[in-house]
Amino acid sequence: RTGESDGLIERHAEHWRVERMAAVDRNSLRGAGAELIAFPSTPRAVVINEALEIARKFSNPESVQFINGVLDSVGKDLESARS
């Protein structure tokens, strides 16, 4: 699912390639992206909040905002595709 997750992340992270992101940010996005794909019954807010907690602890404030925006966009995209 990493490939699928990376594709979604790159589509929603304007001007960013996954391999150029900080390791913590990249892996938080990948994990949450995979969870959004594989477990659609888990509320999007729960998945995003888990990723944000990791970013708050191990990354910087700008990354928290970036991760939040990307994951929210990915989640909305997945939800509309399933409808």
N, C-alpha and C. Protein backbone atom coordinates (compact mmCIF):
# COMPACT_ATOMS: atom_id res chain seq x y z
N ARG A 1 0.81 -1.21 0.00
CA ARG A 1 0.00 0.00 0.00
C ARG A 1 0.85 1.27 0.00
N THR A 2 2.15 1.14 0.21
CA THR A 2 3.00 2.34 0.22
C THR A 2 2.93 3.05 -1.12
N GLY A 3 2.96 2.32 -2.22
CA GLY A 3 2.88 2.95 -3.54
C GLY A 3 1.59 3.70 -3.74
N GLU A 4 0.50 3.08 -3.35
CA GLU A 4 -0.81 3.73 -3.47
C GLU A 4 -0.88 4.95 -2.56
N SER A 5 -0.37 4.79 -1.35
CA SER A 5 -0.35 5.88 -0.39
C SER A 5 0.52 7.03 -0.89
N ASP A 6 1.71 6.71 -1.41
CA ASP A 6 2.61 7.75 -1.93
C ASP A 6 1.97 8.52 -3.08
N GLY A 7 1.27 7.80 -3.96
CA GLY A 7 0.60 8.47 -5.07
C GLY A 7 -0.44 9.46 -4.60
N LEU A 8 -1.23 9.07 -3.62
CA LEU A 8 -2.23 9.97 -3.06
C LEU A 8 -1.58 11.18 -2.39
N ILE A 9 -0.54 10.91 -1.62
CA ILE A 9 0.15 12.00 -0.91
C ILE A 9 0.70 13.01 -1.90
N GLU A 10 1.37 12.53 -2.94
CA GLU A 10 1.97 13.46 -3.91
C GLU A 10 0.91 14.25 -4.66
N ARG A 11 -0.24 13.66 -4.93
CA ARG A 11 -1.30 14.40 -5.61
C ARG A 11 -1.85 15.53 -4.74
N HIS A 12 -1.79 15.35 -3.43
CA HIS A 12 -2.38 16.34 -2.53
C HIS A 12 -1.36 17.23 -1.84
N ALA A 13 -0.08 16.93 -1.98
CA ALA A 13 0.99 17.76 -1.42
C ALA A 13 1.61 18.55 -2.56
N GLU A 14 1.05 19.69 -2.84
CA GLU A 14 1.48 20.48 -3.98
C GLU A 14 2.97 20.78 -3.92
N HIS A 15 3.63 20.53 -5.03
CA HIS A 15 5.05 20.85 -5.21
C HIS A 15 5.97 20.06 -4.28
N TRP A 16 5.52 18.95 -3.76
CA TRP A 16 6.36 18.10 -2.89
C TRP A 16 6.37 16.68 -3.41
N ARG A 17 7.54 16.11 -3.49
CA ARG A 17 7.68 14.69 -3.78
C ARG A 17 7.93 13.99 -2.46
N VAL A 18 7.38 12.81 -2.30
CA VAL A 18 7.47 12.09 -1.03
C VAL A 18 8.92 11.91 -0.60
N GLU A 19 9.79 11.56 -1.52
CA GLU A 19 11.19 11.29 -1.15
C GLU A 19 11.94 12.54 -0.69
N ARG A 20 11.41 13.73 -0.93
CA ARG A 20 12.06 14.96 -0.49
C ARG A 20 11.55 15.45 0.86
N MET A 21 10.52 14.82 1.38
CA MET A 21 9.96 15.22 2.68
C MET A 21 10.84 14.72 3.82
N ALA A 22 10.76 15.40 4.94
CA ALA A 22 11.46 14.93 6.15
C ALA A 22 10.95 13.53 6.49
N ALA A 23 11.82 12.70 7.01
CA ALA A 23 11.48 11.30 7.28
C ALA A 23 10.26 11.15 8.18
N VAL A 24 10.18 11.94 9.24
CA VAL A 24 9.04 11.84 10.15
C VAL A 24 7.75 12.21 9.42
N ASP A 25 7.80 13.28 8.66
CA ASP A 25 6.61 13.73 7.93
C ASP A 25 6.19 12.68 6.90
N ARG A 26 7.15 12.21 6.14
CA ARG A 26 6.88 11.22 5.09
C ARG A 26 6.25 9.96 5.68
N ASN A 27 6.83 9.47 6.75
CA ASN A 27 6.32 8.23 7.34
C ASN A 27 4.99 8.42 8.06
N SER A 28 4.77 9.58 8.64
CA SER A 28 3.45 9.87 9.24
C SER A 28 2.38 9.90 8.15
N LEU A 29 2.70 10.56 7.04
CA LEU A 29 1.76 10.62 5.92
C LEU A 29 1.52 9.24 5.32
N ARG A 30 2.58 8.47 5.15
CA ARG A 30 2.43 7.13 4.57
C ARG A 30 1.56 6.24 5.47
N GLY A 31 1.84 6.24 6.75
CA GLY A 31 1.08 5.40 7.67
C GLY A 31 -0.38 5.79 7.69
N ALA A 32 -0.64 7.09 7.82
CA ALA A 32 -2.02 7.55 7.86
C ALA A 32 -2.71 7.34 6.51
N GLY A 33 -1.98 7.57 5.43
CA GLY A 33 -2.56 7.34 4.10
C GLY A 33 -2.96 5.89 3.91
N ALA A 34 -2.08 4.99 4.31
CA ALA A 34 -2.39 3.56 4.20
C ALA A 34 -3.59 3.20 5.07
N GLU A 35 -3.67 3.80 6.24
CA GLU A 35 -4.81 3.53 7.12
C GLU A 35 -6.11 4.06 6.53
N LEU A 36 -6.06 5.24 5.93
CA LEU A 36 -7.26 5.78 5.29
C LEU A 36 -7.73 4.89 4.14
N ILE A 37 -6.78 4.31 3.42
CA ILE A 37 -7.11 3.44 2.29
C ILE A 37 -7.66 2.10 2.79
N ALA A 38 -6.97 1.49 3.73
CA ALA A 38 -7.29 0.11 4.15
C ALA A 38 -8.45 0.00 5.14
N PHE A 39 -8.67 1.05 5.91
CA PHE A 39 -9.70 0.99 6.95
C PHE A 39 -10.66 2.17 6.81
N PRO A 40 -11.49 2.15 5.78
CA PRO A 40 -12.37 3.30 5.53
C PRO A 40 -13.40 3.54 6.64
N SER A 41 -13.64 2.54 7.50
CA SER A 41 -14.61 2.74 8.58
C SER A 41 -14.02 3.54 9.75
N THR A 42 -12.70 3.65 9.81
CA THR A 42 -12.08 4.47 10.85
C THR A 42 -12.30 5.94 10.50
N PRO A 43 -12.84 6.72 11.42
CA PRO A 43 -13.09 8.13 11.11
C PRO A 43 -11.81 8.87 10.67
N ARG A 44 -11.97 9.66 9.63
CA ARG A 44 -10.83 10.41 9.09
C ARG A 44 -10.16 11.26 10.17
N ALA A 45 -10.94 11.89 11.03
CA ALA A 45 -10.38 12.75 12.08
C ALA A 45 -9.49 11.97 13.03
N VAL A 46 -9.86 10.73 13.33
CA VAL A 46 -9.05 9.90 14.23
C VAL A 46 -7.71 9.59 13.60
N VAL A 47 -7.72 9.20 12.34
CA VAL A 47 -6.47 8.88 11.63
C VAL A 47 -5.58 10.11 11.57
N ILE A 48 -6.16 11.24 11.22
CA ILE A 48 -5.38 12.48 11.11
C ILE A 48 -4.82 12.88 12.46
N ASN A 49 -5.62 12.80 13.50
CA ASN A 49 -5.14 13.19 14.84
C ASN A 49 -3.97 12.33 15.30
N GLU A 50 -4.00 11.05 14.99
CA GLU A 50 -2.88 10.18 15.35
C GLU A 50 -1.60 10.62 14.66
N ALA A 51 -1.70 10.93 13.37
CA ALA A 51 -0.53 11.40 12.61
C ALA A 51 -0.04 12.75 13.15
N LEU A 52 -0.96 13.62 13.53
CA LEU A 52 -0.58 14.93 14.05
C LEU A 52 0.12 14.83 15.40
N GLU A 53 -0.31 13.88 16.23
CA GLU A 53 0.36 13.69 17.52
C GLU A 53 1.82 13.28 17.32
N ILE A 54 2.07 12.41 16.36
CA ILE A 54 3.45 12.02 16.05
C ILE A 54 4.23 13.23 15.56
N ALA A 55 3.64 14.01 14.68
CA ALA A 55 4.32 15.20 14.15
C ALA A 55 4.59 16.23 15.25
N ARG A 56 3.64 16.41 16.14
CA ARG A 56 3.85 17.38 17.24
C ARG A 56 5.02 16.96 18.12
N LYS A 57 5.18 15.67 18.31
CA LYS A 57 6.23 15.18 19.18
C LYS A 57 7.59 15.15 18.50
N PHE A 58 7.63 14.80 17.21
CA PHE A 58 8.90 14.54 16.55
C PHE A 58 9.24 15.46 15.39
N SER A 59 8.36 16.40 15.05
CA SER A 59 8.62 17.27 13.91
C SER A 59 8.47 18.72 14.35
N ASN A 60 8.18 19.62 13.43
CA ASN A 60 8.06 21.04 13.77
C ASN A 60 6.64 21.54 13.48
N PRO A 61 6.30 22.72 13.99
CA PRO A 61 4.92 23.21 13.84
C PRO A 61 4.45 23.34 12.39
N GLU A 62 5.35 23.71 11.49
CA GLU A 62 4.97 23.83 10.08
C GLU A 62 4.59 22.46 9.52
N SER A 63 5.29 21.43 9.96
CA SER A 63 4.99 20.08 9.49
C SER A 63 3.61 19.63 9.96
N VAL A 64 3.24 20.02 11.16
CA VAL A 64 1.92 19.65 11.68
C VAL A 64 0.83 20.21 10.77
N GLN A 65 0.95 21.45 10.39
CA GLN A 65 -0.04 22.07 9.51
C GLN A 65 -0.04 21.41 8.13
N PHE A 66 1.15 21.13 7.61
CA PHE A 66 1.30 20.49 6.31
C PHE A 66 0.65 19.11 6.31
N ILE A 67 0.96 18.30 7.30
CA ILE A 67 0.41 16.94 7.41
C ILE A 67 -1.11 17.00 7.53
N ASN A 68 -1.61 17.90 8.35
CA ASN A 68 -3.05 18.05 8.53
C ASN A 68 -3.72 18.36 7.19
N GLY A 69 -3.19 19.31 6.46
CA GLY A 69 -3.79 19.69 5.18
C GLY A 69 -3.76 18.57 4.16
N VAL A 70 -2.63 17.90 4.05
CA VAL A 70 -2.50 16.83 3.08
C VAL A 70 -3.45 15.68 3.42
N LEU A 71 -3.44 15.25 4.66
CA LEU A 71 -4.29 14.11 5.05
C LEU A 71 -5.77 14.44 4.95
N ASP A 72 -6.15 15.66 5.27
CA ASP A 72 -7.55 16.04 5.14
C ASP A 72 -7.97 15.97 3.68
N SER A 73 -7.12 16.46 2.80
CA SER A 73 -7.41 16.42 1.37
C SER A 73 -7.46 14.99 0.84
N VAL A 74 -6.51 14.17 1.26
CA VAL A 74 -6.50 12.76 0.87
C VAL A 74 -7.78 12.06 1.35
N GLY A 75 -8.13 12.29 2.61
CA GLY A 75 -9.32 11.66 3.17
C GLY A 75 -10.59 12.06 2.43
N LYS A 76 -10.72 13.33 2.11
CA LYS A 76 -11.90 13.79 1.37
C LYS A 76 -11.95 13.16 -0.02
N ASP A 77 -10.78 13.06 -0.66
CA ASP A 77 -10.70 12.46 -1.98
C ASP A 77 -11.14 10.99 -1.93
N LEU A 78 -10.64 10.26 -0.97
CA LEU A 78 -11.01 8.85 -0.83
C LEU A 78 -12.51 8.68 -0.53
N GLU A 79 -13.03 9.53 0.33
CA GLU A 79 -14.45 9.44 0.67
C GLU A 79 -15.33 9.74 -0.55
N SER A 80 -14.94 10.72 -1.34
CA SER A 80 -15.76 11.03 -2.52
C SER A 80 -15.64 9.93 -3.57
N ALA A 81 -14.49 9.29 -3.65
CA ALA A 81 -14.32 8.18 -4.61
C ALA A 81 -15.15 6.96 -4.21
N ARG A 82 -15.38 6.79 -2.92
CA ARG A 82 -16.16 5.65 -2.44
C ARG A 82 -17.66 5.88 -2.54
N SER A 83 -18.05 7.13 -2.70
CA SER A 83 -19.49 7.46 -2.74
C SER A 83 -20.10 7.14 -4.08
